[in-house]
C-alpha atoms as a PDB file:
ATOM      1  CA  MET A   1       0.000   0.000   0.000  1.00  0.00           C
ATOM      2  CA  SER A   2       1.154   3.561  -0.680  1.00  0.00           C
ATOM      3  CA  ALA A   3       1.885   6.117   2.049  1.00  0.00           C
ATOM      4  CA  LEU A   4      -1.095   8.101   0.731  1.00  0.00           C
ATOM      5  CA  HIS A   5      -3.357   5.070   1.123  1.00  0.00           C
ATOM      6  CA  ASP A   6      -2.011   4.362   4.629  1.00  0.00           C
ATOM      7  CA  ARG A   7      -2.581   7.946   5.770  1.00  0.00           C
ATOM      8  CA  ARG A   8      -6.097   7.964   4.371  1.00  0.00           C
ATOM      9  CA  TYR A   9      -6.920   4.783   6.269  1.00  0.00           C
ATOM     10  CA  ALA A  10      -5.276   6.094   9.445  1.00  0.00           C
ATOM     11  CA  LEU A  11      -7.521   9.156   9.284  1.00  0.00           C
ATOM     12  CA  ALA A  12     -10.569   6.940   8.693  1.00  0.00           C
ATOM     13  CA  ALA A  13      -9.706   4.704  11.639  1.00  0.00           C
ATOM     14  CA  ALA A  14      -9.231   7.760  13.859  1.00  0.00           C
ATOM     15  CA  ALA A  15     -12.550   9.239  12.735  1.00  0.00           C
ATOM     16  CA  ILE A  16     -14.411   6.010  13.355  1.00  0.00           C
ATOM     17  CA  ARG A  17     -12.907   5.646  16.845  1.00  0.00           C
ATOM     18  CA  LEU A  18     -13.949   9.176  17.758  1.00  0.00           C
ATOM     19  CA  PHE A  19     -17.406   8.841  16.211  1.00  0.00           C
ATOM     20  CA  ALA A  20     -17.946   5.692  18.276  1.00  0.00           C
ATOM     21  CA  ALA A  21     -16.768   7.360  21.492  1.00  0.00           C
ATOM     22  CA  ARG A  22     -18.194  10.879  21.098  1.00  0.00           C
ATOM     23  CA  GLY A  23     -20.753  10.706  18.333  1.00  0.00           C
ATOM     24  CA  LEU A  24     -20.605  12.411  14.979  1.00  0.00           C
ATOM     25  CA  GLU A  25     -21.753  15.814  16.245  1.00  0.00           C
ATOM     26  CA  GLY A  26     -19.331  15.670  19.167  1.00  0.00           C
ATOM     27  CA  THR A  27     -16.298  15.152  16.949  1.00  0.00           C
ATOM     28  CA  THR A  28     -14.434  17.837  15.031  1.00  0.00           C
ATOM     29  CA  VAL A  29     -12.078  17.615  12.084  1.00  0.00           C
ATOM     30  CA  GLU A  30      -9.330  19.044  14.299  1.00  0.00           C
ATOM     31  CA  GLU A  31      -9.812  16.196  16.787  1.00  0.00           C
ATOM     32  CA  ILE A  32      -9.720  13.578  14.038  1.00  0.00           C
ATOM     33  CA  ALA A  33      -6.513  15.070  12.655  1.00  0.00           C
ATOM     34  CA  ALA A  34      -4.917  15.159  16.116  1.00  0.00           C
ATOM     35  CA  GLU A  35      -5.950  11.557  16.770  1.00  0.00           C
ATOM     36  CA  ALA A  36      -4.261  10.520  13.518  1.00  0.00           C
ATOM     37  CA  GLY A  37      -1.191  12.661  14.199  1.00  0.00           C
ATOM     38  CA  VAL A  38      -1.623  15.030  11.251  1.00  0.00           C
ATOM     39  CA  SER A  39      -2.778  18.593  10.672  1.00  0.00           C
ATOM     40  CA  PRO A  40      -6.339  19.608   9.727  1.00  0.00           C
ATOM     41  CA  ARG A  41      -4.941  20.739   6.375  1.00  0.00           C
ATOM     42  CA  THR A  42      -3.729  17.195   5.749  1.00  0.00           C
ATOM     43  CA  PHE A  43      -7.177  15.884   6.676  1.00  0.00           C
ATOM     44  CA  PHE A  44      -8.789  18.058   4.015  1.00  0.00           C
ATOM     45  CA  ARG A  45      -6.352  16.799   1.396  1.00  0.00           C
ATOM     46  CA  HIS A  46      -8.013  13.412   1.803  1.00  0.00           C
ATOM     47  CA  PHE A  47     -11.624  14.166   2.760  1.00  0.00           C
ATOM     48  CA  ALA A  48     -13.994  17.027   2.059  1.00  0.00           C
ATOM     49  CA  THR A  49     -16.018  16.483   5.256  1.00  0.00           C
ATOM     50  CA  LYS A  50     -15.752  14.520   8.471  1.00  0.00           C
ATOM     51  CA  GLU A  51     -18.617  12.291   7.284  1.00  0.00           C
ATOM     52  CA  ALA A  52     -16.569  11.300   4.239  1.00  0.00           C
ATOM     53  CA  ALA A  53     -13.789  10.074   6.535  1.00  0.00           C
ATOM     54  CA  ALA A  54     -15.982   7.116   7.498  1.00  0.00           C
ATOM     55  CA  PHE A  55     -15.883   5.954   3.862  1.00  0.00           C
ATOM     56  CA  PRO A  56     -12.180   6.067   2.932  1.00  0.00           C
ATOM     57  CA  ASP A  57     -12.368   3.575   0.117  1.00  0.00           C
ATOM     58  CA  HIS A  58     -15.701   4.072  -1.599  1.00  0.00           C
ATOM     59  CA  GLU A  59     -14.260   5.741  -4.705  1.00  0.00           C
ATOM     60  CA  GLU A  60     -11.695   3.016  -5.316  1.00  0.00           C
ATOM     61  CA  ARG A  61     -14.250   0.301  -4.538  1.00  0.00           C
ATOM     62  CA  ILE A  62     -16.713   1.709  -7.043  1.00  0.00           C
ATOM     63  CA  GLN A  63     -13.957   2.004  -9.636  1.00  0.00           C
ATOM     64  CA  GLU A  64     -12.917  -1.589  -8.939  1.00  0.00           C
ATOM     65  CA  LEU A  65     -16.526  -2.713  -9.344  1.00  0.00           C
ATOM     66  CA  ARG A  66     -16.818  -0.949 -12.692  1.00  0.00           C
ATOM     67  CA  GLU A  67     -13.576  -2.514 -13.921  1.00  0.00           C
ATOM     68  CA  LEU A  68     -14.562  -6.011 -12.811  1.00  0.00           C
ATOM     69  CA  LEU A  69     -17.947  -5.692 -14.509  1.00  0.00           C
ATOM     70  CA  ALA A  70     -16.376  -4.303 -17.668  1.00  0.00           C
ATOM     71  CA  ALA A  71     -14.183  -7.401 -17.786  1.00  0.00           C
ATOM     72  CA  ARG A  72     -17.352  -9.522 -17.818  1.00  0.00           C
ATOM     73  CA  ARG A  73     -18.865  -7.956 -20.923  1.00  0.00           C
ATOM     74  CA  GLY A  74     -20.397 -10.631 -23.101  1.00  0.00           C
ATOM     75  CA  ALA A  75     -20.917 -13.085 -20.213  1.00  0.00           C
ATOM     76  CA  SER A  76     -23.485 -15.770 -20.969  1.00  0.00           C
ATOM     77  CA  SER A  77     -25.361 -14.801 -17.795  1.00  0.00           C
ATOM     78  CA  PRO A  78     -25.109 -11.118 -16.829  1.00  0.00           C
ATOM     79  CA  LEU A  79     -26.840 -11.868 -13.520  1.00  0.00           C
ATOM     80  CA  ASP A  80     -24.296 -14.545 -12.609  1.00  0.00           C
ATOM     81  CA  ALA A  81     -21.497 -12.173 -13.588  1.00  0.00           C
ATOM     82  CA  VAL A  82     -22.872  -9.516 -11.232  1.00  0.00           C
ATOM     83  CA  LEU A  83     -23.262 -12.018  -8.401  1.00  0.00           C
ATOM     84  CA  GLU A  84     -19.742 -13.378  -8.842  1.00  0.00           C
ATOM     85  CA  VAL A  85     -18.259  -9.885  -8.835  1.00  0.00           C
ATOM     86  CA  THR A  86     -20.397  -8.964  -5.826  1.00  0.00           C
ATOM     87  CA  GLN A  87     -19.121 -11.961  -3.871  1.00  0.00           C
ATOM     88  CA  SER A  88     -15.543 -11.096  -4.713  1.00  0.00           C
ATOM     89  CA  THR A  89     -15.774  -7.452  -3.676  1.00  0.00           C
ATOM     90  CA  ALA A  90     -17.870  -8.116  -0.543  1.00  0.00           C
ATOM     91  CA  ARG A  91     -15.244 -10.534   0.759  1.00  0.00           C
ATOM     92  CA  GLU A  92     -12.775  -7.663   0.984  1.00  0.00           C
ATOM     93  CA  TYR A  93     -14.738  -6.280   3.938  1.00  0.00           C
ATOM     94  CA  PHE A  94     -14.076  -9.457   5.878  1.00  0.00           C
ATOM     95  CA  ASP A  95     -10.314  -9.061   5.460  1.00  0.00           C
ATOM     96  CA  GLU A  96     -10.204  -5.896   7.594  1.00  0.00           C
ATOM     97  CA  THR A  97     -12.557  -6.806  10.406  1.00  0.00           C
ATOM     98  CA  ASP A  98     -11.468  -4.135  12.899  1.00  0.00           C
ATOM     99  CA  LEU A  99     -11.998  -1.250  10.486  1.00  0.00           C
ATOM    100  CA  TYR A 100     -15.193  -2.354   8.773  1.00  0.00           C
ATOM    101  CA  ARG A 101     -17.083  -3.797  11.727  1.00  0.00           C
ATOM    102  CA  ALA A 102     -16.519  -0.590  13.663  1.00  0.00           C
ATOM    103  CA  ARG A 103     -17.382   1.530  10.626  1.00  0.00           C
ATOM    104  CA  ILE A 104     -20.659  -0.274   9.955  1.00  0.00           C
ATOM    105  CA  ALA A 105     -21.705  -0.025  13.624  1.00  0.00           C
ATOM    106  CA  VAL A 106     -20.955   3.711  13.684  1.00  0.00           C
ATOM    107  CA  VAL A 107     -22.811   4.322  10.426  1.00  0.00           C
ATOM    108  CA  ARG A 108     -25.892   2.486  11.675  1.00  0.00           C
ATOM    109  CA  ALA A 109     -25.921   4.635  14.821  1.00  0.00           C
ATOM    110  CA  ASN A 110     -25.687   7.990  13.016  1.00  0.00           C
ATOM    111  CA  PRO A 111     -28.466   9.233  10.700  1.00  0.00           C
ATOM    112  CA  SER A 112     -26.097  11.637   8.894  1.00  0.00           C
ATOM    113  CA  LEU A 113     -23.704   8.818   8.098  1.00  0.00           C
ATOM    114  CA  ARG A 114     -26.584   6.612   6.967  1.00  0.00           C
ATOM    115  CA  ASP A 115     -27.613   9.357   4.549  1.00  0.00           C
ATOM    116  CA  PHE A 116     -24.048   9.588   3.269  1.00  0.00           C
ATOM    117  CA  GLU A 117     -23.932   5.807   2.899  1.00  0.00           C
ATOM    118  CA  ARG A 118     -27.116   5.893   0.828  1.00  0.00           C
ATOM    119  CA  VAL A 119     -25.448   8.271  -1.615  1.00  0.00           C
ATOM    120  CA  VAL A 120     -22.511   5.871  -1.836  1.00  0.00           C
ATOM    121  CA  ASP A 121     -24.854   2.901  -2.297  1.00  0.00           C
ATOM    122  CA  GLN A 122     -26.494   4.748  -5.171  1.00  0.00           C
ATOM    123  CA  GLN A 123     -23.157   4.759  -6.988  1.00  0.00           C
ATOM    124  CA  TYR A 124     -22.853   0.992  -6.551  1.00  0.00           C
ATOM    125  CA  GLU A 125     -26.381   0.561  -7.856  1.00  0.00           C
ATOM    126  CA  ASP A 126     -25.674   2.789 -10.843  1.00  0.00           C
ATOM    127  CA  ALA A 127     -22.589   0.748 -11.782  1.00  0.00           C
ATOM    128  CA  ILE A 128     -24.452  -2.568 -11.534  1.00  0.00           C
ATOM    129  CA  ALA A 129     -27.575  -1.285 -13.287  1.00  0.00           C
ATOM    130  CA  GLY A 130     -25.531   0.184 -16.124  1.00  0.00           C
ATOM    131  CA  TYR A 131     -23.804  -3.135 -16.720  1.00  0.00           C
ATOM    132  CA  LEU A 132     -27.029  -5.139 -16.574  1.00  0.00           C
ATOM    133  CA  ALA A 133     -28.969  -2.778 -18.843  1.00  0.00           C
ATOM    134  CA  ALA A 134     -26.251  -3.110 -21.481  1.00  0.00           C
ATOM    135  CA  GLU A 135     -25.833  -6.875 -21.140  1.00  0.00           C
ATOM    136  CA  MET A 136     -29.320  -8.273 -20.537  1.00  0.00           C
ATOM    137  CA  PRO A 137     -31.538  -9.212 -23.500  1.00  0.00           C
ATOM    138  CA  PRO A 138     -33.134  -6.144 -25.101  1.00  0.00           C
ATOM    139  CA  ALA A 139     -36.596  -5.314 -23.794  1.00  0.00           C
ATOM    140  CA  ALA A 140     -38.733  -2.223 -23.332  1.00  0.00           C
ATOM    141  CA  ASP A 141     -38.330  -2.434 -19.569  1.00  0.00           C
ATOM    142  CA  VAL A 142     -34.687  -3.550 -19.427  1.00  0.00           C
ATOM    143  CA  THR A 143     -33.602  -0.376 -17.616  1.00  0.00           C
ATOM    144  CA  LEU A 144     -36.236  -0.877 -14.935  1.00  0.00           C
ATOM    145  CA  ARG A 145     -35.290  -4.527 -14.512  1.00  0.00           C
ATOM    146  CA  ALA A 146     -31.612  -3.593 -14.240  1.00  0.00           C
ATOM    147  CA  ARG A 147     -32.277  -0.996 -11.558  1.00  0.00           C
ATOM    148  CA  VAL A 148     -34.484  -3.338  -9.501  1.00  0.00           C
ATOM    149  CA  ILE A 149     -31.830  -6.068  -9.588  1.00  0.00           C
ATOM    150  CA  ALA A 150     -29.070  -3.594  -8.713  1.00  0.00           C
ATOM    151  CA  ALA A 151     -31.045  -2.278  -5.735  1.00  0.00           C
ATOM    152  CA  GLY A 152     -31.643  -5.848  -4.570  1.00  0.00           C
ATOM    153  CA  VAL A 153     -27.938  -6.709  -4.809  1.00  0.00           C
ATOM    154  CA  VAL A 154     -26.898  -3.690  -2.746  1.00  0.00           C
ATOM    155  CA  ALA A 155     -29.649  -4.350  -0.181  1.00  0.00           C
ATOM    156  CA  ALA A 156     -28.577  -7.985   0.166  1.00  0.00           C
ATOM    157  CA  VAL A 157     -24.908  -7.095   0.687  1.00  0.00           C
ATOM    158  CA  ASN A 158     -25.893  -4.512   3.295  1.00  0.00           C
ATOM    159  CA  ASP A 159     -27.955  -7.167   5.070  1.00  0.00           C
ATOM    160  CA  VAL A 160     -24.936  -9.505   5.140  1.00  0.00           C
ATOM    161  CA  LEU A 161     -22.716  -6.754   6.538  1.00  0.00           C
ATOM    162  CA  ASP A 162     -25.311  -5.784   9.156  1.00  0.00           C
ATOM    163  CA  THR A 163     -25.601  -9.374  10.382  1.00  0.00           C
ATOM    164  CA  TRP A 164     -21.815  -9.833  10.366  1.00  0.00           C
ATOM    165  CA  THR A 165     -21.435  -6.646  12.428  1.00  0.00           C
ATOM    166  CA  THR A 166     -24.067  -7.418  15.051  1.00  0.00           C
ATOM    167  CA  ASP A 167     -23.352 -11.161  15.374  1.00  0.00           C
ATOM    168  CA  GLU A 168     -19.640 -11.713  15.952  1.00  0.00           C
ATOM    169  CA  GLY A 169     -20.167 -15.471  15.836  1.00  0.00           C
ATOM    170  CA  SER A 170     -21.629 -15.375  12.341  1.00  0.00           C
ATOM    171  CA  ASP A 171     -19.873 -16.967   9.377  1.00  0.00           C
ATOM    172  CA  PRO A 172     -19.522 -14.195   6.789  1.00  0.00           C
ATOM    173  CA  GLU A 173     -18.896 -16.597   3.929  1.00  0.00           C
ATOM    174  CA  ALA A 174     -22.060 -18.531   4.755  1.00  0.00           C
ATOM    175  CA  LEU A 175     -24.049 -15.297   4.999  1.00  0.00           C
ATOM    176  CA  LEU A 176     -22.698 -14.142   1.648  1.00  0.00           C
ATOM    177  CA  TRP A 177     -23.392 -17.468  -0.038  1.00  0.00           C
ATOM    178  CA  ARG A 178     -26.988 -17.435   1.210  1.00  0.00           C
ATOM    179  CA  ALA A 179     -27.482 -13.867  -0.010  1.00  0.00           C
ATOM    180  CA  VAL A 180     -26.176 -14.724  -3.463  1.00  0.00           C
ATOM    181  CA  GLU A 181     -28.455 -17.742  -3.723  1.00  0.00           C
ATOM    182  CA  VAL A 182     -31.464 -15.666  -2.625  1.00  0.00           C
ATOM    183  CA  LEU A 183     -30.619 -13.073  -5.277  1.00  0.00           C
ATOM    184  CA  ARG A 184     -30.163 -15.722  -7.965  1.00  0.00           C
ATOM    185  CA  ARG A 185     -33.549 -17.301  -7.214  1.00  0.00           C
ATOM    186  CA  ALA A 186     -35.287 -13.944  -6.933  1.00  0.00           C
ATOM    187  CA  PHE A 187     -33.943 -12.397 -10.124  1.00  0.00           C
ATOM    188  CA  ALA A 188     -33.221 -15.252 -12.531  1.00  0.00           C
ATOM    189  CA  ALA A 189     -36.491 -14.721 -14.399  1.00  0.00           C
ATOM    190  CA  MET A 190     -36.124 -10.952 -14.415  1.00  0.00           C
ATOM    191  CA  ALA A 191     -32.663 -11.174 -16.017  1.00  0.00           C
ATOM    192  CA  ALA A 192     -33.861 -13.594 -18.684  1.00  0.00           C
ATOM    193  CA  PRO A 193     -35.423 -12.591 -22.033  1.00  0.00           C
ATOM    194  CA  ALA A 194     -38.951 -11.244 -21.756  1.00  0.00           C
ATOM    195  CA  PRO A 195     -41.698 -13.750 -22.588  1.00  0.00           C
ATOM    196  CA  GLU A 196     -42.760 -13.432 -26.226  1.00  0.00           C
ATOM    197  CA  ASP A 197     -46.434 -13.283 -25.331  1.00  0.00           C
ATOM    198  CA  GLY A 198     -45.873 -10.306 -23.040  1.00  0.00           C
ATOM    199  CA  ALA A 199     -46.880 -12.214 -19.917  1.00  0.00           C
ATOM    200  CA  PRO A 200     -45.776 -10.534 -16.691  1.00  0.00           C
ATOM    201  CA  ILE A 201     -42.709 -11.830 -14.895  1.00  0.00           C
ATOM    202  CA  VAL A 202     -43.486 -13.194 -11.441  1.00  0.00           C
ATOM    203  CA  MET A 203     -40.841 -12.741  -8.750  1.00  0.00           C
ATOM    204  CA  ARG A 204     -40.691 -14.629  -5.480  1.00  0.00           C
ATOM    205  CA  MET A 205     -38.294 -13.511  -2.805  1.00  0.00           C
ATOM    206  CA  PRO A 206     -38.019 -13.767   0.988  1.00  0.00           C
ATOM    207  CA  ALA A 207     -39.925 -11.090   2.886  1.00  0.00           C
ATOM    208  CA  ASP A 208     -36.779  -9.638   4.487  1.00  0.00           C
ATOM    209  CA  LEU A 209     -35.119  -9.023   1.106  1.00  0.00           C
ATOM    210  CA  ARG A 210     -38.386  -7.688  -0.335  1.00  0.00           C
ATOM    211  CA  ASP A 211     -38.674  -5.155   2.504  1.00  0.00           C
ATOM    212  CA  ARG A 212     -35.056  -4.004   2.078  1.00  0.00           C
ATOM    213  CA  LEU A 213     -35.535  -3.692  -1.666  1.00  0.00           C
ATOM    214  CA  VAL A 214     -38.659  -1.570  -1.233  1.00  0.00           C
ATOM    215  CA  ALA A 215     -36.790   0.629   1.260  1.00  0.00           C
ATOM    216  CA  ALA A 216     -33.859   1.017  -1.157  1.00  0.00           C
ATOM    217  CA  LEU A 217     -36.100   1.969  -4.067  1.00  0.00           C
ATOM    218  CA  THR A 218     -38.023   4.440  -1.893  1.00  0.00           C
ATOM    219  CA  ALA A 219     -34.769   6.076  -0.780  1.00  0.00           C
ATOM    220  CA  ASP A 220     -33.657   6.197  -4.421  1.00  0.00           C
ATOM    221  CA  ARG A 221     -36.787   8.128  -5.374  1.00  0.00           C
ATOM    222  CA  LYS A 222     -36.269  10.595  -2.509  1.00  0.00           C
ATOM    223  CA  LEU A 223     -32.648  11.215  -3.545  1.00  0.00           C
ATOM    224  CA  SER A 224     -33.643  11.921  -7.139  1.00  0.00           C
ATOM    225  CA  THR A 225     -36.241  14.539  -6.211  1.00  0.00           C
END
């Protein structure tokens, strides 16, 4: 890792520690910088706001997602390609338990950080939906299908991370595998060619994923207004 990357993560770790101890409103940029052993000016070279410090890697993660999806252009199953890439990128959270578990817990406890996370999630959804819309069989509603699937994927990953954070005894790989299988069953028909007779596509999904998907789509509409 580069010194720039290390400093960015050191600032993020400091911010998350202080947010957990003092709350978001009770923490200043100056305190985060002091905790990390740098100046406030250095902080602002890495992050525009203190909220952004809780998400040190979202830009590179989104770029990585786009690159991995671009490498899967022409896949026989766009849905499977998305799910495989999702599994691969989600596993990276499990490699840095101390940082990400603490970050997720802090985000869940702070409405402002949850709002910021939703903006970040929208970028993940946009990347996935863009890939699916270009790769799925042509149809009048392909853009809608792509966005629904993308929202479901992001909601499912968030559910895995929430469970992993709150249940330290959970098996993250098992949680991720279950989520991927739920997504595959729920969206296989939606990702397939539209029926020639125009019959509606029927989706069946567990109630917990359905509720998270509805919440994600509702938040998406609020952000776009």
